[in-house]
Amino acid sequence: ELRNRLAAATGLHLPATLVFDYPTPADLAGYVLSQALGDETGSTHDTA
């Protein structure tokens, strides 16, 4: 249901495993933002 609501609110194509792939609201927000910006890696920052 969360996936469906976020997909409707953003227009993004989101996987059904969203909550399991990004297990906290902070992780999920980072992924959604990266997708909105066209970052296919799913991360808004690089850790090196």
All heavy atoms as atom14 arrays in JSON, in Angstrom:
{
  "sequence": "ELRNRLAAATGLHLPATLVFDYPTPADLAGYVLSQALGDETGSTHDTA",
  "atom14_mask": [
    [1, 1, 1, 1, 1, 1, 1, 1, 1, 0, 0, 0, 0, 0],
    [1, 1, 1, 1, 1, 1, 1, 1, 0, 0, 0, 0, 0, 0],
    [1, 1, 1, 1, 1, 1, 1, 1, 1, 1, 1, 0, 0, 0],
    [1, 1, 1, 1, 1, 1, 1, 1, 0, 0, 0, 0, 0, 0],
    [1, 1, 1, 1, 1, 1, 1, 1, 1, 1, 1, 0, 0, 0],
    [1, 1, 1, 1, 1, 1, 1, 1, 0, 0, 0, 0, 0, 0],
    [1, 1, 1, 1, 1, 0, 0, 0, 0, 0, 0, 0, 0, 0],
    [1, 1, 1, 1, 1, 0, 0, 0, 0, 0, 0, 0, 0, 0],
    [1, 1, 1, 1, 1, 0, 0, 0, 0, 0, 0, 0, 0, 0],
    [1, 1, 1, 1, 1, 1, 1, 0, 0, 0, 0, 0, 0, 0],
    [1, 1, 1, 1, 0, 0, 0, 0, 0, 0, 0, 0, 0, 0],
    [1, 1, 1, 1, 1, 1, 1, 1, 0, 0, 0, 0, 0, 0],
    [1, 1, 1, 1, 1, 1, 1, 1, 1, 1, 0, 0, 0, 0],
    [1, 1, 1, 1, 1, 1, 1, 1, 0, 0, 0, 0, 0, 0],
    [1, 1, 1, 1, 1, 1, 1, 0, 0, 0, 0, 0, 0, 0],
    [1, 1, 1, 1, 1, 0, 0, 0, 0, 0, 0, 0, 0, 0],
    [1, 1, 1, 1, 1, 1, 1, 0, 0, 0, 0, 0, 0, 0],
    [1, 1, 1, 1, 1, 1, 1, 1, 0, 0, 0, 0, 0, 0],
    [1, 1, 1, 1, 1, 1, 1, 0, 0, 0, 0, 0, 0, 0],
    [1, 1, 1, 1, 1, 1, 1, 1, 1, 1, 1, 0, 0, 0],
    [1, 1, 1, 1, 1, 1, 1, 1, 0, 0, 0, 0, 0, 0],
    [1, 1, 1, 1, 1, 1, 1, 1, 1, 1, 1, 1, 0, 0],
    [1, 1, 1, 1, 1, 1, 1, 0, 0, 0, 0, 0, 0, 0],
    [1, 1, 1, 1, 1, 1, 1, 0, 0, 0, 0, 0, 0, 0],
    [1, 1, 1, 1, 1, 1, 1, 0, 0, 0, 0, 0, 0, 0],
    [1, 1, 1, 1, 1, 0, 0, 0, 0, 0, 0, 0, 0, 0],
    [1, 1, 1, 1, 1, 1, 1, 1, 0, 0, 0, 0, 0, 0],
    [1, 1, 1, 1, 1, 1, 1, 1, 0, 0, 0, 0, 0, 0],
    [1, 1, 1, 1, 1, 0, 0, 0, 0, 0, 0, 0, 0, 0],
    [1, 1, 1, 1, 0, 0, 0, 0, 0, 0, 0, 0, 0, 0],
    [1, 1, 1, 1, 1, 1, 1, 1, 1, 1, 1, 1, 0, 0],
    [1, 1, 1, 1, 1, 1, 1, 0, 0, 0, 0, 0, 0, 0],
    [1, 1, 1, 1, 1, 1, 1, 1, 0, 0, 0, 0, 0, 0],
    [1, 1, 1, 1, 1, 1, 0, 0, 0, 0, 0, 0, 0, 0],
    [1, 1, 1, 1, 1, 1, 1, 1, 1, 0, 0, 0, 0, 0],
    [1, 1, 1, 1, 1, 0, 0, 0, 0, 0, 0, 0, 0, 0],
    [1, 1, 1, 1, 1, 1, 1, 1, 0, 0, 0, 0, 0, 0],
    [1, 1, 1, 1, 0, 0, 0, 0, 0, 0, 0, 0, 0, 0],
    [1, 1, 1, 1, 1, 1, 1, 1, 0, 0, 0, 0, 0, 0],
    [1, 1, 1, 1, 1, 1, 1, 1, 1, 0, 0, 0, 0, 0],
    [1, 1, 1, 1, 1, 1, 1, 0, 0, 0, 0, 0, 0, 0],
    [1, 1, 1, 1, 0, 0, 0, 0, 0, 0, 0, 0, 0, 0],
    [1, 1, 1, 1, 1, 1, 0, 0, 0, 0, 0, 0, 0, 0],
    [1, 1, 1, 1, 1, 1, 1, 0, 0, 0, 0, 0, 0, 0],
    [1, 1, 1, 1, 1, 1, 1, 1, 1, 1, 0, 0, 0, 0],
    [1, 1, 1, 1, 1, 1, 1, 1, 0, 0, 0, 0, 0, 0],
    [1, 1, 1, 1, 1, 1, 1, 0, 0, 0, 0, 0, 0, 0],
    [1, 1, 1, 1, 1, 0, 0, 0, 0, 0, 0, 0, 0, 0]
  ],
  "atom14_positions": [
    [[0.83, -1.21, 0.0], [0.0, 0.0, 0.0], [0.86, 1.25, 0.0], [0.58, 2.23, -0.7], [-0.93, 0.02, 1.21], [-1.85, 1.24, 1.2], [-2.73, 1.36, 2.43], [-2.71, 0.45, 3.27], [-3.44, 2.37, 2.55], [0.0, 0.0, 0.0], [0.0, 0.0, 0.0], [0.0, 0.0, 0.0], [0.0, 0.0, 0.0], [0.0, 0.0, 0.0]],
    [[1.94, 1.23, 0.78], [2.83, 2.4, 0.8], [3.46, 2.6, -0.58], [3.55, 3.74, -1.06], [3.92, 2.2, 1.85], [4.97, 3.31, 1.93], [4.32, 4.64, 2.29], [6.06, 2.97, 2.94], [0.0, 0.0, 0.0], [0.0, 0.0, 0.0], [0.0, 0.0, 0.0], [0.0, 0.0, 0.0], [0.0, 0.0, 0.0], [0.0, 0.0, 0.0]],
    [[3.89, 1.51, -1.2], [4.44, 1.62, -2.56], [3.44, 2.26, -3.5], [3.76, 3.17, -4.28], [4.86, 0.23, -3.05], [5.6, 0.19, -4.4], [4.68, 0.33, -5.62], [3.66, -0.69, -5.66], [3.78, -1.84, -6.33], [4.87, -2.09, -7.01], [2.79, -2.71, -6.34], [0.0, 0.0, 0.0], [0.0, 0.0, 0.0], [0.0, 0.0, 0.0]],
    [[2.19, 1.78, -3.43], [1.16, 2.3, -4.33], [0.89, 3.78, -4.1], [0.73, 4.56, -5.04], [-0.14, 1.5, -4.16], [0.01, 0.06, -4.63], [0.94, -0.27, -5.36], [-0.9, -0.8, -4.2], [0.0, 0.0, 0.0], [0.0, 0.0, 0.0], [0.0, 0.0, 0.0], [0.0, 0.0, 0.0], [0.0, 0.0, 0.0], [0.0, 0.0, 0.0]],
    [[0.85, 4.19, -2.84], [0.57, 5.59, -2.52], [1.73, 6.49, -2.95], [1.52, 7.58, -3.47], [0.29, 5.75, -1.02], [-0.98, 5.04, -0.54], [-1.28, 5.39, 0.91], [-1.62, 6.79, 1.04], [-2.84, 7.31, 0.89], [-3.85, 6.51, 0.58], [-3.05, 8.59, 1.02], [0.0, 0.0, 0.0], [0.0, 0.0, 0.0], [0.0, 0.0, 0.0]],
    [[2.95, 6.02, -2.74], [4.1, 6.82, -3.16], [4.18, 6.91, -4.69], [4.53, 7.96, -5.25], [5.39, 6.22, -2.61], [5.71, 6.55, -1.15], [6.94, 5.77, -0.7], [5.94, 8.04, -0.97], [0.0, 0.0, 0.0], [0.0, 0.0, 0.0], [0.0, 0.0, 0.0], [0.0, 0.0, 0.0], [0.0, 0.0, 0.0], [0.0, 0.0, 0.0]],
    [[3.87, 5.8, -5.35], [3.88, 5.82, -6.82], [2.85, 6.82, -7.35], [3.11, 7.56, -8.31], [3.6, 4.42, -7.36], [0.0, 0.0, 0.0], [0.0, 0.0, 0.0], [0.0, 0.0, 0.0], [0.0, 0.0, 0.0], [0.0, 0.0, 0.0], [0.0, 0.0, 0.0], [0.0, 0.0, 0.0], [0.0, 0.0, 0.0], [0.0, 0.0, 0.0]],
    [[1.67, 6.85, -6.72], [0.63, 7.79, -7.14], [1.03, 9.23, -6.85], [0.74, 10.14, -7.64], [-0.69, 7.46, -6.43], [0.0, 0.0, 0.0], [0.0, 0.0, 0.0], [0.0, 0.0, 0.0], [0.0, 0.0, 0.0], [0.0, 0.0, 0.0], [0.0, 0.0, 0.0], [0.0, 0.0, 0.0], [0.0, 0.0, 0.0], [0.0, 0.0, 0.0]],
    [[1.71, 9.45, -5.72], [2.07, 10.82, -5.34], [3.25, 11.35, -6.13], [3.4, 12.58, -6.26], [2.4, 10.85, -3.84], [0.0, 0.0, 0.0], [0.0, 0.0, 0.0], [0.0, 0.0, 0.0], [0.0, 0.0, 0.0], [0.0, 0.0, 0.0], [0.0, 0.0, 0.0], [0.0, 0.0, 0.0], [0.0, 0.0, 0.0], [0.0, 0.0, 0.0]],
    [[4.09, 10.47, -6.65], [5.3, 10.91, -7.34], [5.3, 10.62, -8.83], [6.06, 11.24, -9.58], [6.54, 10.23, -6.74], [6.46, 8.82, -6.95], [6.63, 10.52, -5.24], [0.0, 0.0, 0.0], [0.0, 0.0, 0.0], [0.0, 0.0, 0.0], [0.0, 0.0, 0.0], [0.0, 0.0, 0.0], [0.0, 0.0, 0.0], [0.0, 0.0, 0.0]],
    [[4.47, 9.67, -9.26], [4.49, 9.27, -10.65], [5.65, 8.36, -11.0], [5.86, 8.06, -12.17], [0.0, 0.0, 0.0], [0.0, 0.0, 0.0], [0.0, 0.0, 0.0], [0.0, 0.0, 0.0], [0.0, 0.0, 0.0], [0.0, 0.0, 0.0], [0.0, 0.0, 0.0], [0.0, 0.0, 0.0], [0.0, 0.0, 0.0], [0.0, 0.0, 0.0]],
    [[6.41, 7.95, -10.01], [7.56, 7.09, -10.25], [7.16, 5.62, -10.3], [6.19, 5.22, -9.67], [8.6, 7.29, -9.14], [9.19, 8.68, -9.0], [10.01, 8.78, -7.73], [10.05, 9.02, -10.22], [0.0, 0.0, 0.0], [0.0, 0.0, 0.0], [0.0, 0.0, 0.0], [0.0, 0.0, 0.0], [0.0, 0.0, 0.0], [0.0, 0.0, 0.0]],
    [[7.93, 4.84, -11.04], [7.72, 3.39, -11.06], [8.54, 2.8, -9.93], [9.77, 2.79, -9.98], [8.15, 2.8, -12.4], [7.96, 1.32, -12.5], [6.71, 0.74, -12.59], [8.85, 0.3, -12.48], [6.84, -0.57, -12.64], [8.14, -0.86, -12.58], [0.0, 0.0, 0.0], [0.0, 0.0, 0.0], [0.0, 0.0, 0.0], [0.0, 0.0, 0.0]],
    [[7.87, 2.3, -8.9], [8.55, 1.85, -7.69], [8.33, 0.35, -7.51], [7.23, -0.15, -7.76], [8.02, 2.61, -6.47], [8.15, 4.13, -6.53], [7.43, 4.77, -5.35], [9.61, 4.54, -6.54], [0.0, 0.0, 0.0], [0.0, 0.0, 0.0], [0.0, 0.0, 0.0], [0.0, 0.0, 0.0], [0.0, 0.0, 0.0], [0.0, 0.0, 0.0]],
    [[9.34, -0.37, -7.05], [9.21, -1.83, -6.89], [8.34, -2.2, -5.7], [8.24, -1.44, -4.72], [10.66, -2.29, -6.66], [11.34, -1.1, -6.05], [10.7, 0.1, -6.71], [0.0, 0.0, 0.0], [0.0, 0.0, 0.0], [0.0, 0.0, 0.0], [0.0, 0.0, 0.0], [0.0, 0.0, 0.0], [0.0, 0.0, 0.0], [0.0, 0.0, 0.0]],
    [[7.71, -3.36, -5.75], [6.88, -3.83, -4.65], [7.7, -4.13, -3.4], [7.17, -4.17, -2.29], [6.1, -5.08, -5.07], [0.0, 0.0, 0.0], [0.0, 0.0, 0.0], [0.0, 0.0, 0.0], [0.0, 0.0, 0.0], [0.0, 0.0, 0.0], [0.0, 0.0, 0.0], [0.0, 0.0, 0.0], [0.0, 0.0, 0.0], [0.0, 0.0, 0.0]],
    [[9.01, -4.35, -3.58], [9.89, -4.66, -2.45], [10.48, -3.41, -1.81], [11.46, -3.49, -1.06], [11.05, -5.55, -2.93], [11.75, -4.89, -4.0], [10.53, -6.9, -3.42], [0.0, 0.0, 0.0], [0.0, 0.0, 0.0], [0.0, 0.0, 0.0], [0.0, 0.0, 0.0], [0.0, 0.0, 0.0], [0.0, 0.0, 0.0], [0.0, 0.0, 0.0]],
    [[9.88, -2.27, -2.07], [10.42, -0.97, -1.65], [10.79, -0.93, -0.17], [11.89, -0.53, 0.2], [9.38, 0.11, -1.96], [9.85, 1.55, -2.04], [10.83, 1.74, -3.18], [8.65, 2.48, -2.23], [0.0, 0.0, 0.0], [0.0, 0.0, 0.0], [0.0, 0.0, 0.0], [0.0, 0.0, 0.0], [0.0, 0.0, 0.0], [0.0, 0.0, 0.0]],
    [[9.85, -1.35, 0.69], [10.04, -1.25, 2.13], [11.16, -2.18, 2.6], [11.83, -1.89, 3.6], [8.72, -1.55, 2.85], [8.93, -1.89, 4.32], [7.78, -0.36, 2.72], [0.0, 0.0, 0.0], [0.0, 0.0, 0.0], [0.0, 0.0, 0.0], [0.0, 0.0, 0.0], [0.0, 0.0, 0.0], [0.0, 0.0, 0.0], [0.0, 0.0, 0.0]],
    [[11.38, -3.27, 1.88], [12.4, -4.22, 2.28], [13.77, -3.83, 1.73], [14.8, -4.09, 2.35], [12.01, -5.63, 1.83], [10.65, -6.02, 2.31], [9.54, -5.93, 1.48], [10.46, -6.45, 3.61], [8.28, -6.28, 1.94], [9.2, -6.79, 4.08], [8.11, -6.7, 3.24], [0.0, 0.0, 0.0], [0.0, 0.0, 0.0], [0.0, 0.0, 0.0]],
    [[13.8, -3.19, 0.56], [15.06, -2.73, -0.01], [15.59, -1.49, 0.7], [16.8, -1.28, 0.8], [14.89, -2.42, -1.49], [14.56, -3.66, -2.31], [14.92, -4.77, -1.86], [13.96, -3.52, -3.39], [0.0, 0.0, 0.0], [0.0, 0.0, 0.0], [0.0, 0.0, 0.0], [0.0, 0.0, 0.0], [0.0, 0.0, 0.0], [0.0, 0.0, 0.0]],
    [[14.69, -0.65, 1.18], [15.05, 0.61, 1.86], [14.3, 0.62, 3.19], [13.19, 1.15, 3.28], [14.7, 1.81, 0.97], [15.33, 1.68, -0.39], [14.64, 1.1, -1.46], [16.65, 2.08, -0.6], [15.24, 0.94, -2.7], [17.25, 1.93, -1.84], [16.56, 1.36, -2.88], [17.15, 1.19, -4.1], [0.0, 0.0, 0.0], [0.0, 0.0, 0.0]],
    [[14.88, 0.02, 4.23], [14.13, -0.38, 5.42], [13.77, 0.7, 6.42], [13.19, 0.39, 7.45], [15.05, -1.43, 6.07], [16.42, -1.05, 5.63], [16.26, -0.49, 4.26], [0.0, 0.0, 0.0], [0.0, 0.0, 0.0], [0.0, 0.0, 0.0], [0.0, 0.0, 0.0], [0.0, 0.0, 0.0], [0.0, 0.0, 0.0], [0.0, 0.0, 0.0]],
    [[14.07, 1.98, 6.17], [13.65, 3.05, 7.06], [13.09, 4.19, 6.21], [13.4, 4.29, 5.02], [14.82, 3.6, 7.9], [15.74, 4.33, 7.03], [15.57, 2.48, 8.62], [0.0, 0.0, 0.0], [0.0, 0.0, 0.0], [0.0, 0.0, 0.0], [0.0, 0.0, 0.0], [0.0, 0.0, 0.0], [0.0, 0.0, 0.0], [0.0, 0.0, 0.0]],
    [[12.26, 5.06, 6.79], [11.76, 6.22, 6.03], [12.88, 7.07, 5.45], [12.76, 7.59, 4.34], [10.93, 6.98, 7.07], [10.46, 5.92, 8.02], [11.61, 4.95, 8.12], [0.0, 0.0, 0.0], [0.0, 0.0, 0.0], [0.0, 0.0, 0.0], [0.0, 0.0, 0.0], [0.0, 0.0, 0.0], [0.0, 0.0, 0.0], [0.0, 0.0, 0.0]],
    [[13.99, 7.22, 6.19], [15.11, 8.02, 5.69], [15.73, 7.37, 4.46], [16.03, 8.04, 3.47], [16.16, 8.19, 6.79], [0.0, 0.0, 0.0], [0.0, 0.0, 0.0], [0.0, 0.0, 0.0], [0.0, 0.0, 0.0], [0.0, 0.0, 0.0], [0.0, 0.0, 0.0], [0.0, 0.0, 0.0], [0.0, 0.0, 0.0], [0.0, 0.0, 0.0]],
    [[15.93, 6.04, 4.51], [16.47, 5.33, 3.35], [15.54, 5.44, 2.15], [15.98, 5.66, 1.02], [16.69, 3.85, 3.7], [17.7, 3.65, 4.81], [18.65, 4.46, 4.89], [17.54, 2.71, 5.59], [0.0, 0.0, 0.0], [0.0, 0.0, 0.0], [0.0, 0.0, 0.0], [0.0, 0.0, 0.0], [0.0, 0.0, 0.0], [0.0, 0.0, 0.0]],
    [[14.26, 5.28, 2.41], [13.28, 5.32, 1.33], [13.22, 6.71, 0.71], [13.13, 6.86, -0.51], [11.91, 4.91, 1.86], [10.76, 4.91, 0.85], [11.11, 4.08, -0.37], [9.49, 4.37, 1.5], [0.0, 0.0, 0.0], [0.0, 0.0, 0.0], [0.0, 0.0, 0.0], [0.0, 0.0, 0.0], [0.0, 0.0, 0.0], [0.0, 0.0, 0.0]],
    [[13.29, 7.75, 1.54], [13.26, 9.12, 1.03], [14.47, 9.38, 0.13], [14.35, 10.02, -0.93], [13.23, 10.11, 2.18], [0.0, 0.0, 0.0], [0.0, 0.0, 0.0], [0.0, 0.0, 0.0], [0.0, 0.0, 0.0], [0.0, 0.0, 0.0], [0.0, 0.0, 0.0], [0.0, 0.0, 0.0], [0.0, 0.0, 0.0], [0.0, 0.0, 0.0]],
    [[15.64, 8.86, 0.54], [16.83, 9.02, -0.29], [16.67, 8.35, -1.64], [17.07, 8.9, -2.68], [0.0, 0.0, 0.0], [0.0, 0.0, 0.0], [0.0, 0.0, 0.0], [0.0, 0.0, 0.0], [0.0, 0.0, 0.0], [0.0, 0.0, 0.0], [0.0, 0.0, 0.0], [0.0, 0.0, 0.0], [0.0, 0.0, 0.0], [0.0, 0.0, 0.0]],
    [[16.05, 7.18, -1.65], [15.83, 6.47, -2.91], [14.83, 7.22, -3.8], [15.07, 7.4, -5.0], [15.32, 5.06, -2.63], [14.87, 4.32, -3.87], [15.8, 3.8, -4.77], [13.51, 4.16, -4.15], [15.4, 3.14, -5.92], [13.1, 3.5, -5.29], [14.04, 2.99, -6.18], [13.62, 2.34, -7.31], [0.0, 0.0, 0.0], [0.0, 0.0, 0.0]],
    [[13.72, 7.67, -3.23], [12.71, 8.38, -4.01], [13.3, 9.65, -4.62], [13.07, 9.97, -5.79], [11.49, 8.72, -3.12], [10.54, 9.66, -3.84], [10.75, 7.44, -2.73], [0.0, 0.0, 0.0], [0.0, 0.0, 0.0], [0.0, 0.0, 0.0], [0.0, 0.0, 0.0], [0.0, 0.0, 0.0], [0.0, 0.0, 0.0], [0.0, 0.0, 0.0]],
    [[14.09, 10.38, -3.83], [14.71, 11.6, -4.34], [15.67, 11.27, -5.48], [15.71, 11.96, -6.51], [15.44, 12.32, -3.22], [16.2, 13.6, -3.61], [15.26, 14.59, -4.28], [16.86, 14.22, -2.38], [0.0, 0.0, 0.0], [0.0, 0.0, 0.0], [0.0, 0.0, 0.0], [0.0, 0.0, 0.0], [0.0, 0.0, 0.0], [0.0, 0.0, 0.0]],
    [[16.46, 10.21, -5.31], [17.4, 9.85, -6.37], [16.68, 9.48, -7.66], [17.14, 9.81, -8.76], [18.28, 8.69, -5.9], [17.54, 7.48, -5.83], [0.0, 0.0, 0.0], [0.0, 0.0, 0.0], [0.0, 0.0, 0.0], [0.0, 0.0, 0.0], [0.0, 0.0, 0.0], [0.0, 0.0, 0.0], [0.0, 0.0, 0.0], [0.0, 0.0, 0.0]],
    [[15.53, 8.81, -7.55], [14.77, 8.44, -8.73], [14.16, 9.67, -9.4], [14.11, 9.76, -10.63], [13.67, 7.44, -8.35], [14.19, 6.1, -7.85], [15.09, 5.42, -8.85], [14.65, 5.0, -9.92], [16.37, 5.3, -8.52], [0.0, 0.0, 0.0], [0.0, 0.0, 0.0], [0.0, 0.0, 0.0], [0.0, 0.0, 0.0], [0.0, 0.0, 0.0]],
    [[13.69, 10.61, -8.58], [13.13, 11.84, -9.14], [14.19, 12.65, -9.89], [13.89, 13.32, -10.88], [12.52, 12.7, -8.03], [0.0, 0.0, 0.0], [0.0, 0.0, 0.0], [0.0, 0.0, 0.0], [0.0, 0.0, 0.0], [0.0, 0.0, 0.0], [0.0, 0.0, 0.0], [0.0, 0.0, 0.0], [0.0, 0.0, 0.0], [0.0, 0.0, 0.0]],
    [[15.44, 12.54, -9.43], [16.54, 13.27, -10.07], [17.18, 12.47, -11.19], [18.13, 12.94, -11.83], [17.61, 13.62, -9.02], [17.17, 14.57, -7.91], [18.29, 14.76, -6.91], [16.75, 15.91, -8.5], [0.0, 0.0, 0.0], [0.0, 0.0, 0.0], [0.0, 0.0, 0.0], [0.0, 0.0, 0.0], [0.0, 0.0, 0.0], [0.0, 0.0, 0.0]],
    [[16.68, 11.26, -11.42], [17.2, 10.45, -12.52], [18.46, 9.7, -12.2], [19.18, 9.28, -13.1], [0.0, 0.0, 0.0], [0.0, 0.0, 0.0], [0.0, 0.0, 0.0], [0.0, 0.0, 0.0], [0.0, 0.0, 0.0], [0.0, 0.0, 0.0], [0.0, 0.0, 0.0], [0.0, 0.0, 0.0], [0.0, 0.0, 0.0], [0.0, 0.0, 0.0]],
    [[18.73, 9.48, -10.9], [19.92, 8.73, -10.48], [19.53, 7.27, -10.36], [18.85, 6.87, -9.43], [20.42, 9.26, -9.14], [21.64, 8.49, -8.63], [22.12, 7.62, -9.38], [22.09, 8.76, -7.51], [0.0, 0.0, 0.0], [0.0, 0.0, 0.0], [0.0, 0.0, 0.0], [0.0, 0.0, 0.0], [0.0, 0.0, 0.0], [0.0, 0.0, 0.0]],
    [[19.98, 6.45, -11.31], [19.6, 5.04, -11.35], [20.27, 4.22, -10.26], [19.9, 3.08, -10.01], [19.93, 4.44, -12.72], [19.12, 5.04, -13.86], [17.62, 4.86, -13.66], [17.21, 3.8, -13.15], [16.87, 5.78, -14.01], [0.0, 0.0, 0.0], [0.0, 0.0, 0.0], [0.0, 0.0, 0.0], [0.0, 0.0, 0.0], [0.0, 0.0, 0.0]],
    [[21.29, 4.76, -9.61], [21.96, 3.99, -8.57], [21.14, 3.9, -7.31], [21.38, 3.06, -6.45], [23.32, 4.61, -8.22], [23.1, 5.9, -7.61], [24.17, 4.78, -9.46], [0.0, 0.0, 0.0], [0.0, 0.0, 0.0], [0.0, 0.0, 0.0], [0.0, 0.0, 0.0], [0.0, 0.0, 0.0], [0.0, 0.0, 0.0], [0.0, 0.0, 0.0]],
    [[20.15, 4.8, -7.16], [19.31, 4.78, -5.97], [19.95, 5.42, -4.77], [19.49, 5.24, -3.65], [0.0, 0.0, 0.0], [0.0, 0.0, 0.0], [0.0, 0.0, 0.0], [0.0, 0.0, 0.0], [0.0, 0.0, 0.0], [0.0, 0.0, 0.0], [0.0, 0.0, 0.0], [0.0, 0.0, 0.0], [0.0, 0.0, 0.0], [0.0, 0.0, 0.0]],
    [[20.99, 6.21, -4.96], [21.66, 6.85, -3.84], [21.86, 8.32, -4.16], [22.2, 8.69, -5.28], [23.0, 6.19, -3.56], [23.68, 6.87, -2.53], [0.0, 0.0, 0.0], [0.0, 0.0, 0.0], [0.0, 0.0, 0.0], [0.0, 0.0, 0.0], [0.0, 0.0, 0.0], [0.0, 0.0, 0.0], [0.0, 0.0, 0.0], [0.0, 0.0, 0.0]],
    [[21.63, 9.18, -3.18], [21.78, 10.62, -3.38], [23.16, 11.09, -3.0], [23.48, 12.25, -3.11], [20.74, 11.38, -2.55], [20.91, 11.02, -1.17], [19.34, 11.05, -3.0], [0.0, 0.0, 0.0], [0.0, 0.0, 0.0], [0.0, 0.0, 0.0], [0.0, 0.0, 0.0], [0.0, 0.0, 0.0], [0.0, 0.0, 0.0], [0.0, 0.0, 0.0]],
    [[24.01, 10.2, -2.52], [25.37, 10.58, -2.17], [26.28, 9.36, -2.31], [25.83, 8.23, -2.29], [25.45, 11.11, -0.74], [25.12, 10.09, 0.29], [23.82, 9.76, 0.62], [25.92, 9.29, 1.04], [23.82, 8.83, 1.54], [25.08, 8.51, 1.82], [0.0, 0.0, 0.0], [0.0, 0.0, 0.0], [0.0, 0.0, 0.0], [0.0, 0.0, 0.0]],
    [[27.54, 9.61, -2.49], [28.52, 8.53, -2.61], [29.33, 8.43, -1.34], [29.72, 9.44, -0.75], [29.47, 8.79, -3.79], [28.74, 8.72, -5.12], [27.84, 7.87, -5.24], [29.07, 9.52, -6.02], [0.0, 0.0, 0.0], [0.0, 0.0, 0.0], [0.0, 0.0, 0.0], [0.0, 0.0, 0.0], [0.0, 0.0, 0.0], [0.0, 0.0, 0.0]],
    [[29.55, 7.21, -0.91], [30.4, 6.97, 0.24], [31.68, 6.32, -0.25], [31.63, 5.26, -0.86], [29.7, 6.06, 1.26], [28.5, 6.69, 1.68], [30.59, 5.81, 2.46], [0.0, 0.0, 0.0], [0.0, 0.0, 0.0], [0.0, 0.0, 0.0], [0.0, 0.0, 0.0], [0.0, 0.0, 0.0], [0.0, 0.0, 0.0], [0.0, 0.0, 0.0]],
    [[32.8, 6.94, -0.02], [34.07, 6.39, -0.47], [35.07, 6.43, 0.66], [35.17, 7.41, 1.38], [34.59, 7.18, -1.67], [0.0, 0.0, 0.0], [0.0, 0.0, 0.0], [0.0, 0.0, 0.0], [0.0, 0.0, 0.0], [0.0, 0.0, 0.0], [0.0, 0.0, 0.0], [0.0, 0.0, 0.0], [0.0, 0.0, 0.0], [0.0, 0.0, 0.0]]
  ]
}
